[in-house]
Amino acid sequence: MERVQYEEWQLTSLFEVEPEHPFPEDPWPYGEVIYSVSQHGLNLRGAIHPVYRDVHLTLDFAGHTVYELRSMDLDRIEYVEDPKGESLRLVLSDRDHIVLRIKPTIRLAHEVSGTA
């Protein structure tokens, strides 16, 4: 199985932070990377393991988890730059994806299309 394709600089640019590497002995793309950002009481944490195609997102507010996504076998990650700014599209399947924006504020949109 091929790893999820993205460049580490794309996530660093989107989150505007350097990632954490919980297992530094595992070089990218073989190790998990974690990005964390806080805005206006919202805390977003995104963990991605490119080789295993796993992603784990949590969005907390005031110490309470308000959204959590755990996906194994992620289809792909698409980095998008458009007039609205940067976003990340986590494609879970042909019909199901998450769009994540950090700037100007954190925004998660879960989009599901109709049947084929």
C-alpha atoms as a PDB file:
ATOM      1  CA  MET A   1       0.000   0.000   0.000  1.00  0.00           C
ATOM      2  CA  GLU A   2       1.330   3.427  -0.935  1.00  0.00           C
ATOM      3  CA  ARG A   3       1.667   6.099   1.736  1.00  0.00           C
ATOM      4  CA  VAL A   4      -0.585   9.161   1.824  1.00  0.00           C
ATOM      5  CA  GLN A   5       1.014  11.725  -0.502  1.00  0.00           C
ATOM      6  CA  TYR A   6       1.657  15.225   0.815  1.00  0.00           C
ATOM      7  CA  GLU A   7       4.659  17.351   1.538  1.00  0.00           C
ATOM      8  CA  GLU A   8       5.473  18.131   5.164  1.00  0.00           C
ATOM      9  CA  TRP A   9       5.916  21.840   4.313  1.00  0.00           C
ATOM     10  CA  GLN A  10       2.243  21.997   3.276  1.00  0.00           C
ATOM     11  CA  LEU A  11       1.016  21.082   6.757  1.00  0.00           C
ATOM     12  CA  THR A  12       3.614  23.300   8.419  1.00  0.00           C
ATOM     13  CA  SER A  13       2.406  26.207   6.266  1.00  0.00           C
ATOM     14  CA  LEU A  14      -1.258  25.512   7.028  1.00  0.00           C
ATOM     15  CA  PHE A  15      -0.823  25.105  10.804  1.00  0.00           C
ATOM     16  CA  GLU A  16       2.000  27.678  11.071  1.00  0.00           C
ATOM     17  CA  VAL A  17       3.779  25.487  13.632  1.00  0.00           C
ATOM     18  CA  GLU A  18       6.515  22.892  13.487  1.00  0.00           C
ATOM     19  CA  PRO A  19       5.175  19.371  13.993  1.00  0.00           C
ATOM     20  CA  GLU A  20       5.819  17.174  16.987  1.00  0.00           C
ATOM     21  CA  HIS A  21       7.515  13.868  16.221  1.00  0.00           C
ATOM     22  CA  PRO A  22       6.538  11.458  19.023  1.00  0.00           C
ATOM     23  CA  PHE A  23       8.993   8.877  17.701  1.00  0.00           C
ATOM     24  CA  PRO A  24      11.941  10.894  16.347  1.00  0.00           C
ATOM     25  CA  GLU A  25      13.819   7.712  15.480  1.00  0.00           C
ATOM     26  CA  ASP A  26      11.194   7.087  12.763  1.00  0.00           C
ATOM     27  CA  PRO A  27      12.010   9.503   9.912  1.00  0.00           C
ATOM     28  CA  TRP A  28       9.290  11.171   7.845  1.00  0.00           C
ATOM     29  CA  PRO A  29       7.206   9.724   6.203  1.00  0.00           C
ATOM     30  CA  TYR A  30       7.496   6.592   8.377  1.00  0.00           C
ATOM     31  CA  GLY A  31       6.762   8.266  11.692  1.00  0.00           C
ATOM     32  CA  GLU A  32       3.660   9.956  13.009  1.00  0.00           C
ATOM     33  CA  VAL A  33       3.561  13.769  12.935  1.00  0.00           C
ATOM     34  CA  ILE A  34       1.341  15.890  15.176  1.00  0.00           C
ATOM     35  CA  TYR A  35       0.248  19.467  14.570  1.00  0.00           C
ATOM     36  CA  SER A  36      -1.471  21.534  17.268  1.00  0.00           C
ATOM     37  CA  VAL A  37      -2.952  25.014  17.110  1.00  0.00           C
ATOM     38  CA  SER A  38      -5.107  27.108  19.457  1.00  0.00           C
ATOM     39  CA  GLN A  39      -7.396  30.019  18.580  1.00  0.00           C
ATOM     40  CA  HIS A  40     -10.032  31.773  20.686  1.00  0.00           C
ATOM     41  CA  GLY A  41     -10.420  28.854  23.096  1.00  0.00           C
ATOM     42  CA  LEU A  42     -10.486  26.221  20.334  1.00  0.00           C
ATOM     43  CA  ASN A  43      -7.688  23.655  20.332  1.00  0.00           C
ATOM     44  CA  LEU A  44      -7.118  21.610  17.186  1.00  0.00           C
ATOM     45  CA  ARG A  45      -4.792  18.642  17.135  1.00  0.00           C
ATOM     46  CA  GLY A  46      -4.063  16.676  13.988  1.00  0.00           C
ATOM     47  CA  ALA A  47      -1.988  13.498  13.945  1.00  0.00           C
ATOM     48  CA  ILE A  48      -1.046  11.893  10.641  1.00  0.00           C
ATOM     49  CA  HIS A  49       0.831   8.685   9.973  1.00  0.00           C
ATOM     50  CA  PRO A  50       1.522   8.775   6.196  1.00  0.00           C
ATOM     51  CA  VAL A  51       2.673   5.174   5.744  1.00  0.00           C
ATOM     52  CA  TYR A  52      -0.264   3.643   7.607  1.00  0.00           C
ATOM     53  CA  ARG A  53      -2.676   6.182   6.052  1.00  0.00           C
ATOM     54  CA  ASP A  54      -4.079   7.083   9.478  1.00  0.00           C
ATOM     55  CA  VAL A  55      -5.358  10.480  10.595  1.00  0.00           C
ATOM     56  CA  HIS A  56      -6.710  11.550  13.975  1.00  0.00           C
ATOM     57  CA  LEU A  57      -8.232  15.018  14.447  1.00  0.00           C
ATOM     58  CA  THR A  58      -9.603  16.412  17.688  1.00  0.00           C
ATOM     59  CA  LEU A  59     -11.212  19.784  18.236  1.00  0.00           C
ATOM     60  CA  ASP A  60     -11.606  20.857  21.857  1.00  0.00           C
ATOM     61  CA  PHE A  61     -13.316  23.863  23.403  1.00  0.00           C
ATOM     62  CA  ALA A  62     -12.933  24.782  27.073  1.00  0.00           C
ATOM     63  CA  GLY A  63     -11.433  21.364  27.810  1.00  0.00           C
ATOM     64  CA  HIS A  64     -14.222  19.413  26.114  1.00  0.00           C
ATOM     65  CA  THR A  65     -13.890  17.480  22.869  1.00  0.00           C
ATOM     66  CA  VAL A  66     -16.487  18.786  20.407  1.00  0.00           C
ATOM     67  CA  TYR A  67     -15.304  16.878  17.342  1.00  0.00           C
ATOM     68  CA  GLU A  68     -13.127  13.837  16.797  1.00  0.00           C
ATOM     69  CA  LEU A  69     -12.182  11.993  13.630  1.00  0.00           C
ATOM     70  CA  ARG A  70     -10.256   8.728  13.499  1.00  0.00           C
ATOM     71  CA  SER A  71      -9.713   7.427  10.022  1.00  0.00           C
ATOM     72  CA  MET A  72      -7.689   4.399   9.010  1.00  0.00           C
ATOM     73  CA  ASP A  73      -6.806   3.926   5.362  1.00  0.00           C
ATOM     74  CA  LEU A  74      -7.219   7.576   4.362  1.00  0.00           C
ATOM     75  CA  ASP A  75      -7.616   7.833   0.583  1.00  0.00           C
ATOM     76  CA  ARG A  76      -5.564  11.005   0.094  1.00  0.00           C
ATOM     77  CA  ILE A  77      -4.686  14.471   1.339  1.00  0.00           C
ATOM     78  CA  GLU A  78      -5.075  17.477  -0.932  1.00  0.00           C
ATOM     79  CA  TYR A  79      -3.424  20.795  -0.077  1.00  0.00           C
ATOM     80  CA  VAL A  80      -5.380  23.687  -1.625  1.00  0.00           C
ATOM     81  CA  GLU A  81      -4.393  27.326  -2.059  1.00  0.00           C
ATOM     82  CA  ASP A  82      -7.196  29.547  -3.322  1.00  0.00           C
ATOM     83  CA  PRO A  83      -8.358  33.174  -2.854  1.00  0.00           C
ATOM     84  CA  LYS A  84      -9.789  32.208   0.567  1.00  0.00           C
ATOM     85  CA  GLY A  85      -6.376  30.956   1.724  1.00  0.00           C
ATOM     86  CA  GLU A  86      -4.938  27.550   2.497  1.00  0.00           C
ATOM     87  CA  SER A  87      -6.969  24.462   3.264  1.00  0.00           C
ATOM     88  CA  LEU A  88      -6.440  20.767   3.617  1.00  0.00           C
ATOM     89  CA  ARG A  89      -8.877  18.281   2.117  1.00  0.00           C
ATOM     90  CA  LEU A  90      -8.780  14.891   3.814  1.00  0.00           C
ATOM     91  CA  VAL A  91     -10.393  12.499   1.360  1.00  0.00           C
ATOM     92  CA  LEU A  92     -11.861   9.568   3.258  1.00  0.00           C
ATOM     93  CA  SER A  93     -13.572   8.029   0.203  1.00  0.00           C
ATOM     94  CA  ASP A  94     -14.913   9.101  -3.183  1.00  0.00           C
ATOM     95  CA  ARG A  95     -18.002  10.506  -1.433  1.00  0.00           C
ATOM     96  CA  ASP A  96     -16.700  11.586   1.972  1.00  0.00           C
ATOM     97  CA  HIS A  97     -14.142  14.247   2.869  1.00  0.00           C
ATOM     98  CA  ILE A  98     -13.157  16.793   5.505  1.00  0.00           C
ATOM     99  CA  VAL A  99     -12.034  20.326   4.639  1.00  0.00           C
ATOM    100  CA  LEU A 100      -9.832  21.979   7.243  1.00  0.00           C
ATOM    101  CA  ARG A 101      -8.932  25.676   7.384  1.00  0.00           C
ATOM    102  CA  ILE A 102      -6.881  27.334  10.097  1.00  0.00           C
ATOM    103  CA  LYS A 103      -6.846  30.974   8.933  1.00  0.00           C
ATOM    104  CA  PRO A 104      -8.479  33.321   9.664  1.00  0.00           C
ATOM    105  CA  THR A 105     -10.180  30.954  12.154  1.00  0.00           C
ATOM    106  CA  ILE A 106     -10.334  27.201  12.620  1.00  0.00           C
ATOM    107  CA  ARG A 107     -12.999  25.654  10.417  1.00  0.00           C
ATOM    108  CA  LEU A 108     -13.808  21.982   9.884  1.00  0.00           C
ATOM    109  CA  ALA A 109     -16.346  21.035   7.222  1.00  0.00           C
ATOM    110  CA  HIS A 110     -17.416  17.403   6.750  1.00  0.00           C
ATOM    111  CA  GLU A 111     -18.787  16.999   3.245  1.00  0.00           C
ATOM    112  CA  VAL A 112     -20.584  13.900   1.961  1.00  0.00           C
ATOM    113  CA  SER A 113     -21.878  13.648  -1.604  1.00  0.00           C
ATOM    114  CA  GLY A 114     -24.847  11.601  -2.818  1.00  0.00           C
ATOM    115  CA  THR A 115     -24.639   8.047  -4.076  1.00  0.00           C
ATOM    116  CA  ALA A 116     -22.935   7.322  -7.359  1.00  0.00           C
END
